Structures are given as structure tokens and as C-alpha cells.
N, C-alpha and C. Protein backbone atom coordinates (compact mmCIF):
# COMPACT_ATOMS: atom_id res chain seq x y z
N MET A 1 1.28 -1.41 -8.70
CA MET A 1 0.60 -2.43 -7.89
C MET A 1 -0.84 -2.00 -7.70
N LEU A 2 -1.71 -2.94 -7.60
CA LEU A 2 -3.14 -2.68 -7.44
C LEU A 2 -3.59 -2.79 -5.95
N ILE A 3 -4.78 -2.35 -5.70
CA ILE A 3 -5.24 -2.15 -4.31
C ILE A 3 -5.26 -3.44 -3.45
N ALA A 4 -5.76 -4.52 -3.98
CA ALA A 4 -5.86 -5.74 -3.17
C ALA A 4 -4.45 -6.24 -2.81
N CYS A 5 -3.49 -6.07 -3.68
CA CYS A 5 -2.13 -6.47 -3.38
C CYS A 5 -1.61 -5.65 -2.23
N HIS A 6 -1.81 -4.31 -2.30
CA HIS A 6 -1.36 -3.44 -1.20
C HIS A 6 -2.03 -3.81 0.08
N LEU A 7 -3.36 -4.07 0.05
CA LEU A 7 -4.14 -4.46 1.22
C LEU A 7 -3.61 -5.76 1.83
N PHE A 8 -3.32 -6.74 0.95
CA PHE A 8 -2.84 -8.03 1.41
C PHE A 8 -1.53 -7.88 2.16
N PHE A 9 -0.56 -7.18 1.61
CA PHE A 9 0.72 -7.05 2.31
C PHE A 9 0.62 -6.15 3.52
N GLY A 10 -0.28 -5.14 3.51
CA GLY A 10 -0.51 -4.36 4.70
C GLY A 10 -1.14 -5.16 5.79
N ALA A 11 -2.10 -6.01 5.46
CA ALA A 11 -2.74 -6.85 6.44
C ALA A 11 -1.74 -7.89 7.01
N ALA A 12 -0.94 -8.45 6.13
CA ALA A 12 0.08 -9.46 6.59
C ALA A 12 1.10 -8.80 7.55
N ALA A 13 1.58 -7.63 7.18
CA ALA A 13 2.51 -6.88 8.06
C ALA A 13 1.84 -6.51 9.35
N GLY A 14 0.59 -6.07 9.27
CA GLY A 14 -0.13 -5.69 10.47
C GLY A 14 -0.37 -6.85 11.41
N LEU A 15 -0.72 -8.03 10.88
CA LEU A 15 -0.88 -9.19 11.72
C LEU A 15 0.42 -9.60 12.42
N LEU A 16 1.51 -9.55 11.66
CA LEU A 16 2.80 -9.91 12.30
C LEU A 16 3.17 -8.92 13.37
N LEU A 17 2.95 -7.64 13.13
CA LEU A 17 3.29 -6.63 14.13
C LEU A 17 2.29 -6.73 15.34
N GLN A 18 1.02 -6.97 15.02
CA GLN A 18 0.06 -7.11 16.11
C GLN A 18 0.34 -8.27 17.05
N ASN A 19 0.72 -9.38 16.45
CA ASN A 19 1.09 -10.52 17.30
C ASN A 19 2.34 -10.23 18.09
N ARG A 20 3.24 -9.45 17.56
CA ARG A 20 4.47 -9.15 18.29
C ARG A 20 4.24 -8.08 19.38
N PHE A 21 3.46 -7.05 19.11
CA PHE A 21 3.34 -5.96 20.05
C PHE A 21 2.01 -5.94 20.82
N LYS A 22 1.09 -6.82 20.48
CA LYS A 22 -0.18 -7.01 21.20
C LYS A 22 -0.95 -5.72 21.35
N SER A 23 -1.13 -5.00 20.24
CA SER A 23 -1.92 -3.77 20.22
C SER A 23 -2.96 -3.91 19.18
N TRP A 24 -4.23 -3.59 19.55
CA TRP A 24 -5.36 -3.87 18.65
C TRP A 24 -5.39 -2.97 17.43
N TYR A 25 -4.78 -1.81 17.47
CA TYR A 25 -4.90 -0.86 16.33
C TYR A 25 -3.74 -0.94 15.39
N ILE A 26 -2.79 -1.82 15.58
CA ILE A 26 -1.69 -1.96 14.68
C ILE A 26 -2.15 -2.45 13.33
N LEU A 27 -3.03 -3.45 13.33
CA LEU A 27 -3.52 -3.98 12.05
C LEU A 27 -4.21 -2.93 11.22
N PRO A 28 -5.18 -2.20 11.76
CA PRO A 28 -5.81 -1.14 10.92
C PRO A 28 -4.86 -0.06 10.48
N ALA A 29 -3.88 0.26 11.33
CA ALA A 29 -2.90 1.29 10.95
C ALA A 29 -2.02 0.80 9.76
N CYS A 30 -1.63 -0.43 9.81
CA CYS A 30 -0.83 -1.03 8.65
C CYS A 30 -1.65 -1.10 7.42
N ILE A 31 -2.89 -1.48 7.52
CA ILE A 31 -3.73 -1.58 6.34
C ILE A 31 -3.95 -0.18 5.77
N LEU A 32 -4.23 0.81 6.61
CA LEU A 32 -4.42 2.18 6.14
C LEU A 32 -3.12 2.69 5.49
N GLY A 33 -1.99 2.45 6.12
CA GLY A 33 -0.72 2.90 5.57
C GLY A 33 -0.44 2.24 4.24
N SER A 34 -0.86 1.02 4.03
CA SER A 34 -0.57 0.28 2.77
C SER A 34 -1.36 0.88 1.56
N VAL A 35 -2.40 1.64 1.78
CA VAL A 35 -3.12 2.24 0.69
C VAL A 35 -3.06 3.78 0.74
N LEU A 36 -2.54 4.35 1.84
CA LEU A 36 -2.54 5.81 2.00
C LEU A 36 -1.77 6.54 0.89
N PRO A 37 -0.59 6.06 0.43
CA PRO A 37 0.04 6.82 -0.67
C PRO A 37 -0.85 7.02 -1.90
N ASP A 38 -1.61 5.99 -2.26
CA ASP A 38 -2.50 6.12 -3.40
C ASP A 38 -3.74 7.01 -3.07
N LEU A 39 -4.25 6.96 -1.84
CA LEU A 39 -5.34 7.77 -1.44
C LEU A 39 -4.99 9.25 -1.45
N ILE A 40 -3.72 9.55 -1.25
CA ILE A 40 -3.23 10.92 -1.26
C ILE A 40 -2.82 11.33 -2.71
N ASP A 41 -1.95 10.50 -3.31
CA ASP A 41 -1.34 10.92 -4.58
C ASP A 41 -2.21 10.83 -5.83
N LYS A 42 -3.11 9.81 -5.90
CA LYS A 42 -3.96 9.70 -7.10
C LYS A 42 -4.86 10.95 -7.26
N PRO A 43 -5.60 11.36 -6.26
CA PRO A 43 -6.36 12.58 -6.45
C PRO A 43 -5.46 13.82 -6.67
N LEU A 44 -4.32 13.87 -5.94
CA LEU A 44 -3.41 15.00 -6.08
C LEU A 44 -2.88 15.11 -7.48
N GLY A 45 -2.47 13.97 -8.10
CA GLY A 45 -1.83 14.00 -9.38
C GLY A 45 -2.79 14.00 -10.56
N TYR A 46 -4.04 13.56 -10.38
CA TYR A 46 -4.91 13.46 -11.52
C TYR A 46 -6.10 14.43 -11.41
N ILE A 47 -6.40 14.98 -10.23
CA ILE A 47 -7.55 15.88 -10.10
C ILE A 47 -7.10 17.27 -9.73
N ILE A 48 -6.28 17.38 -8.64
CA ILE A 48 -5.87 18.72 -8.15
C ILE A 48 -4.81 19.36 -9.05
N PHE A 49 -3.78 18.56 -9.40
CA PHE A 49 -2.67 19.08 -10.25
C PHE A 49 -2.55 18.19 -11.51
N PRO A 50 -3.55 18.26 -12.43
CA PRO A 50 -3.48 17.39 -13.59
C PRO A 50 -2.31 17.70 -14.56
N SER A 51 -1.70 18.86 -14.42
CA SER A 51 -0.57 19.17 -15.26
C SER A 51 0.66 18.27 -14.91
N ILE A 52 0.67 17.80 -13.65
CA ILE A 52 1.68 16.86 -13.29
C ILE A 52 1.30 15.44 -13.78
N GLY A 53 0.03 15.10 -13.52
CA GLY A 53 -0.51 13.88 -14.13
C GLY A 53 0.09 12.60 -13.74
N ASP A 54 0.63 12.48 -12.58
CA ASP A 54 1.21 11.23 -12.12
C ASP A 54 0.65 10.86 -10.76
N GLY A 55 0.29 9.62 -10.58
CA GLY A 55 -0.24 9.16 -9.29
C GLY A 55 0.81 8.79 -8.26
N ARG A 56 2.07 9.06 -8.55
CA ARG A 56 3.14 8.74 -7.58
C ARG A 56 3.90 10.05 -7.27
N LEU A 57 3.37 10.76 -6.31
CA LEU A 57 3.97 12.04 -5.96
C LEU A 57 4.48 12.03 -4.51
N ILE A 58 4.06 12.98 -3.74
CA ILE A 58 4.70 13.21 -2.44
C ILE A 58 4.51 12.07 -1.45
N ALA A 59 3.37 11.39 -1.43
CA ALA A 59 3.20 10.30 -0.51
C ALA A 59 3.94 9.02 -0.93
N HIS A 60 4.42 8.99 -2.16
CA HIS A 60 5.28 7.91 -2.60
C HIS A 60 6.77 8.16 -2.41
N SER A 61 7.07 9.30 -1.80
CA SER A 61 8.50 9.66 -1.56
C SER A 61 8.86 9.43 -0.12
N LEU A 62 10.13 9.35 0.13
CA LEU A 62 10.62 9.23 1.50
C LEU A 62 10.34 10.46 2.37
N ILE A 63 10.34 11.66 1.77
CA ILE A 63 10.01 12.85 2.47
C ILE A 63 8.54 12.85 2.83
N GLY A 64 7.71 12.33 1.90
CA GLY A 64 6.28 12.19 2.22
C GLY A 64 5.99 11.25 3.31
N LEU A 65 6.75 10.13 3.38
CA LEU A 65 6.64 9.21 4.48
C LEU A 65 6.98 9.92 5.79
N THR A 66 8.07 10.68 5.76
CA THR A 66 8.48 11.39 7.00
C THR A 66 7.42 12.41 7.42
N ILE A 67 6.88 13.15 6.45
CA ILE A 67 5.86 14.16 6.79
C ILE A 67 4.61 13.53 7.41
N ILE A 68 4.18 12.43 6.77
CA ILE A 68 2.97 11.74 7.28
C ILE A 68 3.22 11.21 8.70
N LEU A 69 4.38 10.70 8.92
CA LEU A 69 4.72 10.13 10.28
C LEU A 69 4.84 11.26 11.30
N LEU A 70 5.36 12.42 10.92
CA LEU A 70 5.43 13.55 11.81
C LEU A 70 4.05 14.06 12.14
N ILE A 71 3.16 14.15 11.18
CA ILE A 71 1.80 14.58 11.43
C ILE A 71 1.05 13.57 12.35
N THR A 72 1.30 12.31 12.09
CA THR A 72 0.71 11.26 12.94
C THR A 72 1.25 11.35 14.33
N ALA A 73 2.54 11.60 14.51
CA ALA A 73 3.14 11.70 15.84
C ALA A 73 2.56 12.94 16.56
N ALA A 74 2.33 14.02 15.85
CA ALA A 74 1.79 15.18 16.51
C ALA A 74 0.32 14.98 16.91
N LEU A 75 -0.43 14.22 16.17
CA LEU A 75 -1.82 14.00 16.44
C LEU A 75 -2.05 12.89 17.48
N PHE A 76 -1.29 11.85 17.42
CA PHE A 76 -1.56 10.66 18.26
C PHE A 76 -0.57 10.34 19.34
N ARG A 77 0.70 10.64 19.12
CA ARG A 77 1.74 10.39 20.12
C ARG A 77 1.83 8.94 20.62
N ASP A 78 1.52 8.05 19.78
CA ASP A 78 1.57 6.62 20.13
C ASP A 78 2.61 5.95 19.19
N ARG A 79 3.67 5.48 19.76
CA ARG A 79 4.78 5.00 18.94
C ARG A 79 4.39 3.72 18.15
N PHE A 80 3.49 2.89 18.69
CA PHE A 80 3.11 1.70 17.92
C PHE A 80 2.26 2.10 16.72
N LEU A 81 1.38 3.04 16.90
CA LEU A 81 0.55 3.51 15.79
C LEU A 81 1.43 4.17 14.69
N ILE A 82 2.37 4.99 15.11
CA ILE A 82 3.27 5.64 14.14
C ILE A 82 4.09 4.62 13.39
N PHE A 83 4.62 3.64 14.12
CA PHE A 83 5.46 2.59 13.54
C PHE A 83 4.62 1.77 12.56
N ALA A 84 3.44 1.38 12.94
CA ALA A 84 2.55 0.53 12.09
C ALA A 84 2.16 1.28 10.81
N LEU A 85 1.80 2.59 10.96
CA LEU A 85 1.45 3.36 9.75
C LEU A 85 2.65 3.50 8.84
N GLY A 86 3.81 3.69 9.42
CA GLY A 86 5.08 3.85 8.63
C GLY A 86 5.38 2.49 7.92
N ILE A 87 5.22 1.39 8.59
CA ILE A 87 5.48 0.09 7.93
C ILE A 87 4.49 -0.11 6.77
N GLY A 88 3.24 0.25 6.98
CA GLY A 88 2.25 0.12 5.91
C GLY A 88 2.63 0.98 4.69
N ILE A 89 3.02 2.24 4.91
CA ILE A 89 3.45 3.13 3.85
C ILE A 89 4.67 2.62 3.13
N LEU A 90 5.63 2.16 3.91
CA LEU A 90 6.89 1.64 3.34
C LEU A 90 6.61 0.38 2.54
N THR A 91 5.69 -0.45 2.98
CA THR A 91 5.28 -1.63 2.23
C THR A 91 4.74 -1.24 0.85
N HIS A 92 3.88 -0.19 0.88
CA HIS A 92 3.30 0.30 -0.38
C HIS A 92 4.44 0.76 -1.29
N GLN A 93 5.36 1.54 -0.76
CA GLN A 93 6.46 2.07 -1.64
C GLN A 93 7.29 0.96 -2.17
N ILE A 94 7.55 -0.09 -1.39
CA ILE A 94 8.36 -1.20 -1.85
C ILE A 94 7.62 -1.98 -2.92
N LEU A 95 6.31 -2.23 -2.74
CA LEU A 95 5.55 -2.94 -3.78
C LEU A 95 5.44 -2.14 -5.04
N ASP A 96 5.48 -0.84 -4.95
CA ASP A 96 5.47 0.02 -6.16
C ASP A 96 6.85 0.19 -6.77
N GLU A 97 7.84 -0.45 -6.16
CA GLU A 97 9.21 -0.39 -6.63
C GLU A 97 9.69 1.03 -6.83
N MET A 98 9.53 1.84 -5.82
CA MET A 98 9.86 3.24 -5.93
C MET A 98 11.37 3.49 -6.16
N TRP A 99 12.22 2.58 -5.78
CA TRP A 99 13.61 2.77 -6.02
C TRP A 99 13.95 2.79 -7.49
N LYS A 100 13.05 2.28 -8.32
CA LYS A 100 13.21 2.33 -9.76
C LYS A 100 12.86 3.72 -10.39
N ILE A 101 12.18 4.55 -9.54
CA ILE A 101 11.85 5.94 -9.92
C ILE A 101 12.50 6.83 -8.86
N PRO A 102 13.83 6.92 -8.84
CA PRO A 102 14.55 7.64 -7.76
C PRO A 102 14.18 9.13 -7.71
N VAL A 103 13.76 9.76 -8.80
CA VAL A 103 13.38 11.13 -8.79
C VAL A 103 12.19 11.31 -7.85
N ASN A 104 11.24 10.41 -7.93
CA ASN A 104 10.03 10.44 -7.12
C ASN A 104 10.33 10.02 -5.66
N TRP A 105 11.05 8.93 -5.50
CA TRP A 105 11.29 8.38 -4.14
C TRP A 105 12.19 9.32 -3.30
N PHE A 106 13.14 9.91 -3.91
CA PHE A 106 14.04 10.81 -3.17
C PHE A 106 13.71 12.30 -3.36
N TYR A 107 12.51 12.55 -3.83
CA TYR A 107 12.04 13.95 -4.00
C TYR A 107 12.32 14.73 -2.69
N PRO A 108 12.81 15.92 -2.80
CA PRO A 108 13.16 16.79 -3.93
C PRO A 108 14.64 16.75 -4.21
N LEU A 109 15.40 15.79 -3.68
CA LEU A 109 16.84 15.80 -3.83
C LEU A 109 17.29 15.63 -5.31
N LEU A 110 16.56 14.92 -6.11
CA LEU A 110 16.97 14.65 -7.49
C LEU A 110 16.23 15.49 -8.52
N GLY A 111 15.47 16.47 -8.07
CA GLY A 111 14.73 17.37 -9.00
C GLY A 111 13.22 17.20 -8.85
N PRO A 112 12.50 17.86 -9.72
CA PRO A 112 11.05 17.80 -9.64
C PRO A 112 10.46 16.48 -10.15
N PHE A 113 9.19 16.30 -9.81
CA PHE A 113 8.50 15.08 -10.28
C PHE A 113 8.46 15.09 -11.82
N PRO A 114 8.67 13.94 -12.42
CA PRO A 114 8.52 13.87 -13.88
C PRO A 114 7.05 14.08 -14.25
N VAL A 115 6.79 14.62 -15.42
CA VAL A 115 5.41 14.88 -15.90
C VAL A 115 4.93 13.71 -16.76
N TYR A 116 3.82 13.12 -16.39
CA TYR A 116 3.22 12.08 -17.18
C TYR A 116 1.76 12.50 -17.46
N GLN A 117 1.32 12.17 -18.62
CA GLN A 117 -0.06 12.43 -18.99
C GLN A 117 -0.75 11.15 -19.38
N MET A 118 -1.92 10.87 -18.80
CA MET A 118 -2.70 9.73 -19.14
C MET A 118 -4.18 10.08 -19.20
N GLU A 119 -4.80 9.81 -20.30
CA GLU A 119 -6.24 10.11 -20.44
C GLU A 119 -7.03 9.08 -19.66
N ASN A 120 -8.09 9.52 -19.02
CA ASN A 120 -9.03 8.64 -18.29
C ASN A 120 -8.35 7.68 -17.36
N TYR A 121 -7.46 8.16 -16.57
CA TYR A 121 -6.72 7.29 -15.61
C TYR A 121 -7.61 6.49 -14.74
N PHE A 122 -8.65 7.11 -14.17
CA PHE A 122 -9.51 6.39 -13.20
C PHE A 122 -10.35 5.31 -13.89
N GLY A 123 -10.79 5.59 -15.09
CA GLY A 123 -11.53 4.55 -15.86
C GLY A 123 -10.64 3.39 -16.19
N TRP A 124 -9.44 3.72 -16.64
CA TRP A 124 -8.46 2.68 -17.00
C TRP A 124 -8.07 1.88 -15.77
N GLY A 125 -7.88 2.60 -14.63
CA GLY A 125 -7.50 1.87 -13.40
C GLY A 125 -8.59 0.99 -12.89
N PHE A 126 -9.87 1.42 -13.01
CA PHE A 126 -10.97 0.60 -12.61
C PHE A 126 -11.09 -0.68 -13.42
N ILE A 127 -10.95 -0.55 -14.71
CA ILE A 127 -11.00 -1.73 -15.60
C ILE A 127 -9.83 -2.64 -15.29
N ARG A 128 -8.67 -2.06 -15.04
CA ARG A 128 -7.49 -2.85 -14.70
C ARG A 128 -7.67 -3.66 -13.42
N GLU A 129 -8.31 -3.04 -12.41
CA GLU A 129 -8.59 -3.73 -11.16
C GLU A 129 -9.51 -4.92 -11.40
N LEU A 130 -10.55 -4.75 -12.23
CA LEU A 130 -11.51 -5.79 -12.47
C LEU A 130 -11.02 -6.90 -13.33
N THR A 131 -10.04 -6.64 -14.20
CA THR A 131 -9.56 -7.65 -15.18
C THR A 131 -8.21 -8.28 -14.80
N THR A 132 -7.67 -7.99 -13.64
CA THR A 132 -6.43 -8.58 -13.21
C THR A 132 -6.68 -9.78 -12.31
N PRO A 133 -6.40 -11.00 -12.78
CA PRO A 133 -6.70 -12.21 -11.95
C PRO A 133 -6.05 -12.19 -10.60
N SER A 134 -4.80 -11.68 -10.52
CA SER A 134 -4.08 -11.74 -9.21
C SER A 134 -4.81 -10.90 -8.17
N GLU A 135 -5.54 -9.87 -8.57
CA GLU A 135 -6.25 -9.03 -7.59
C GLU A 135 -7.33 -9.84 -6.86
N TYR A 136 -7.97 -10.80 -7.52
CA TYR A 136 -8.98 -11.59 -6.87
C TYR A 136 -8.31 -12.53 -5.85
N LEU A 137 -7.12 -13.08 -6.20
CA LEU A 137 -6.48 -13.93 -5.23
C LEU A 137 -5.94 -13.12 -4.04
N PHE A 138 -5.45 -11.89 -4.28
CA PHE A 138 -5.01 -11.06 -3.20
C PHE A 138 -6.21 -10.69 -2.30
N ALA A 139 -7.32 -10.37 -2.91
CA ALA A 139 -8.53 -10.03 -2.16
C ALA A 139 -8.96 -11.24 -1.29
N LEU A 140 -8.89 -12.42 -1.84
CA LEU A 140 -9.18 -13.62 -1.09
C LEU A 140 -8.21 -13.82 0.05
N GLY A 141 -6.93 -13.53 -0.22
CA GLY A 141 -5.90 -13.61 0.80
C GLY A 141 -6.14 -12.61 1.94
N VAL A 142 -6.58 -11.38 1.64
CA VAL A 142 -6.93 -10.41 2.66
C VAL A 142 -8.06 -10.93 3.53
N LEU A 143 -9.08 -11.49 2.88
CA LEU A 143 -10.20 -12.06 3.58
C LEU A 143 -9.76 -13.14 4.55
N PHE A 144 -8.91 -14.05 4.03
CA PHE A 144 -8.39 -15.14 4.93
C PHE A 144 -7.61 -14.57 6.07
N LEU A 145 -6.75 -13.59 5.80
CA LEU A 145 -5.93 -13.02 6.89
C LEU A 145 -6.78 -12.35 7.96
N LEU A 146 -7.81 -11.66 7.54
CA LEU A 146 -8.71 -10.99 8.48
C LEU A 146 -9.53 -11.99 9.26
N ILE A 147 -10.00 -13.05 8.58
CA ILE A 147 -10.71 -14.12 9.29
C ILE A 147 -9.80 -14.75 10.31
N ASN A 148 -8.55 -14.93 9.94
CA ASN A 148 -7.55 -15.52 10.83
C ASN A 148 -7.39 -14.71 12.06
N ARG A 149 -7.50 -13.38 11.93
CA ARG A 149 -7.37 -12.48 13.10
C ARG A 149 -8.31 -12.84 14.19
N SER A 150 -9.57 -13.14 13.82
CA SER A 150 -10.60 -13.38 14.84
C SER A 150 -10.63 -14.87 15.23
N GLN A 151 -10.31 -15.78 14.28
CA GLN A 151 -10.39 -17.19 14.56
C GLN A 151 -9.03 -17.78 15.06
N ASN A 152 -7.93 -17.14 14.69
CA ASN A 152 -6.60 -17.60 15.07
C ASN A 152 -6.36 -19.02 14.70
N SER A 153 -6.68 -19.39 13.43
CA SER A 153 -6.48 -20.71 12.92
C SER A 153 -5.30 -20.77 11.97
N LEU A 154 -4.40 -21.73 12.19
CA LEU A 154 -3.23 -21.90 11.36
C LEU A 154 -3.60 -22.25 9.94
N ILE A 155 -4.69 -23.00 9.77
CA ILE A 155 -5.09 -23.38 8.41
C ILE A 155 -5.52 -22.11 7.64
N ARG A 156 -6.26 -21.23 8.27
CA ARG A 156 -6.70 -20.00 7.58
C ARG A 156 -5.54 -19.13 7.23
N GLU A 157 -4.55 -19.04 8.16
CA GLU A 157 -3.39 -18.26 7.89
C GLU A 157 -2.58 -18.78 6.69
N ARG A 158 -2.43 -20.08 6.68
CA ARG A 158 -1.72 -20.68 5.51
C ARG A 158 -2.48 -20.49 4.24
N ALA A 159 -3.85 -20.58 4.28
CA ALA A 159 -4.63 -20.34 3.05
C ALA A 159 -4.49 -18.90 2.60
N GLY A 160 -4.41 -17.93 3.50
CA GLY A 160 -4.17 -16.54 3.09
C GLY A 160 -2.80 -16.38 2.50
N ILE A 161 -1.80 -16.97 3.09
CA ILE A 161 -0.43 -16.86 2.58
C ILE A 161 -0.33 -17.52 1.23
N LEU A 162 -1.02 -18.70 1.05
CA LEU A 162 -0.97 -19.38 -0.21
C LEU A 162 -1.69 -18.63 -1.35
N SER A 163 -2.79 -17.99 -0.96
CA SER A 163 -3.51 -17.20 -2.05
C SER A 163 -2.61 -15.98 -2.39
N GLY A 164 -1.96 -15.40 -1.42
CA GLY A 164 -1.06 -14.26 -1.74
C GLY A 164 0.12 -14.74 -2.58
N ALA A 165 0.66 -15.90 -2.26
CA ALA A 165 1.77 -16.44 -3.05
C ALA A 165 1.31 -16.75 -4.47
N SER A 166 0.10 -17.27 -4.58
CA SER A 166 -0.48 -17.55 -5.94
C SER A 166 -0.64 -16.25 -6.71
N ALA A 167 -1.08 -15.23 -6.03
CA ALA A 167 -1.25 -13.94 -6.72
C ALA A 167 0.12 -13.38 -7.15
N LEU A 168 1.16 -13.53 -6.32
CA LEU A 168 2.47 -13.07 -6.66
C LEU A 168 2.98 -13.84 -7.89
N LEU A 169 2.72 -15.17 -7.94
CA LEU A 169 3.12 -15.97 -9.09
C LEU A 169 2.41 -15.44 -10.36
N LEU A 170 1.12 -15.12 -10.25
CA LEU A 170 0.41 -14.59 -11.38
C LEU A 170 1.01 -13.22 -11.81
N LEU A 171 1.42 -12.40 -10.86
CA LEU A 171 2.03 -11.12 -11.18
C LEU A 171 3.35 -11.33 -11.88
N CYS A 172 4.14 -12.29 -11.38
CA CYS A 172 5.46 -12.54 -11.96
C CYS A 172 5.37 -13.09 -13.40
N THR A 173 4.29 -13.81 -13.67
CA THR A 173 4.13 -14.34 -15.02
C THR A 173 3.36 -13.46 -15.95
N GLY A 174 3.03 -12.23 -15.42
CA GLY A 174 2.44 -11.24 -16.30
C GLY A 174 0.95 -11.30 -16.40
N ARG A 175 0.29 -11.88 -15.44
CA ARG A 175 -1.20 -11.94 -15.46
C ARG A 175 -1.75 -10.89 -14.63
């Protein structure tokens, strides 16, 4: 999954939780959580440990989720913040379909991370971000969702959801 898609679903989950729990920092925590696994694992797998060479490592696993939440709990001690960050991370893992890579998701229970090698991952990823039409729709959906946060307009919320649904349709059809 690409970044705008993760941001869209993180923002959508954050808005739902924020409306439910009435806490201003739930939305940013969900958005951060929705991209945090990639912010941790991409540099870890492609720069620090290139022999592993995979961008889905510890932060894409359930143990990684637990560790991140324990660190967050030790630093902030706010249950809404911890919950929102966890929902964001779990949203990321679900969008990446981590259950299809059980060795990674249930690490270390099923063994070590598989080794993948890819030349010029960051260049390839950048081009992929720019050439995937659904990313533009997801980015537009994020924009609408965030505008909706301040304006609280049902029309803007529906536009954000429609653009996200359109992007999902493009993803499902292979665009």
C-alpha cells in the first residue's frame, strides 16, 4: 500500500475516534500510526540492515505494535493517545495485508524475517507513488477529511469518502 492510502484510512479512523472520544490529539495520533510502520521499517530494512532488504520488518509485526504501544504508554500515559496510535498502526498492517505474510506479522513465532533484495527501492517507490492514479484520489480524500474536521460539513465528509472509495476501486482494478 502507498502513503496516501495509509494516510486516508488513518485520517478516517482518527476522525471517527475523535468524534467518539472528543479528544483533539486522536486524529494526529491515528495519522501518525498509519504511516509509522513504514517510517520505521523502510529505513531499517533498506538502509541500516540492507542484507535483510525488506521494508516490512518489526513495526509491521504484532510484537512491533506491542512494543510501540508500550513505549508510548511509558512516555505519555494517556489511554486515548495509546489507543489511537495503535488503531493507526493496525490500520496500516491491515492495509498491507500482513496476515498474508505470517512470518513477518507473527515474528518471531514463525522464524526470522524472509530476505528480499531490491535494487533502488526508494527510487522505485518514489516513481510508483507518482504514477499510481489511486494515490491522487486518496490524497484528495485526505484533504477533504481534514477540511471536514474544521468545517464539519456532511458534503465534504461524503466527498472524502467517495474519493477514497474511488481510489479503492482503482486499486481493485489494478490501477
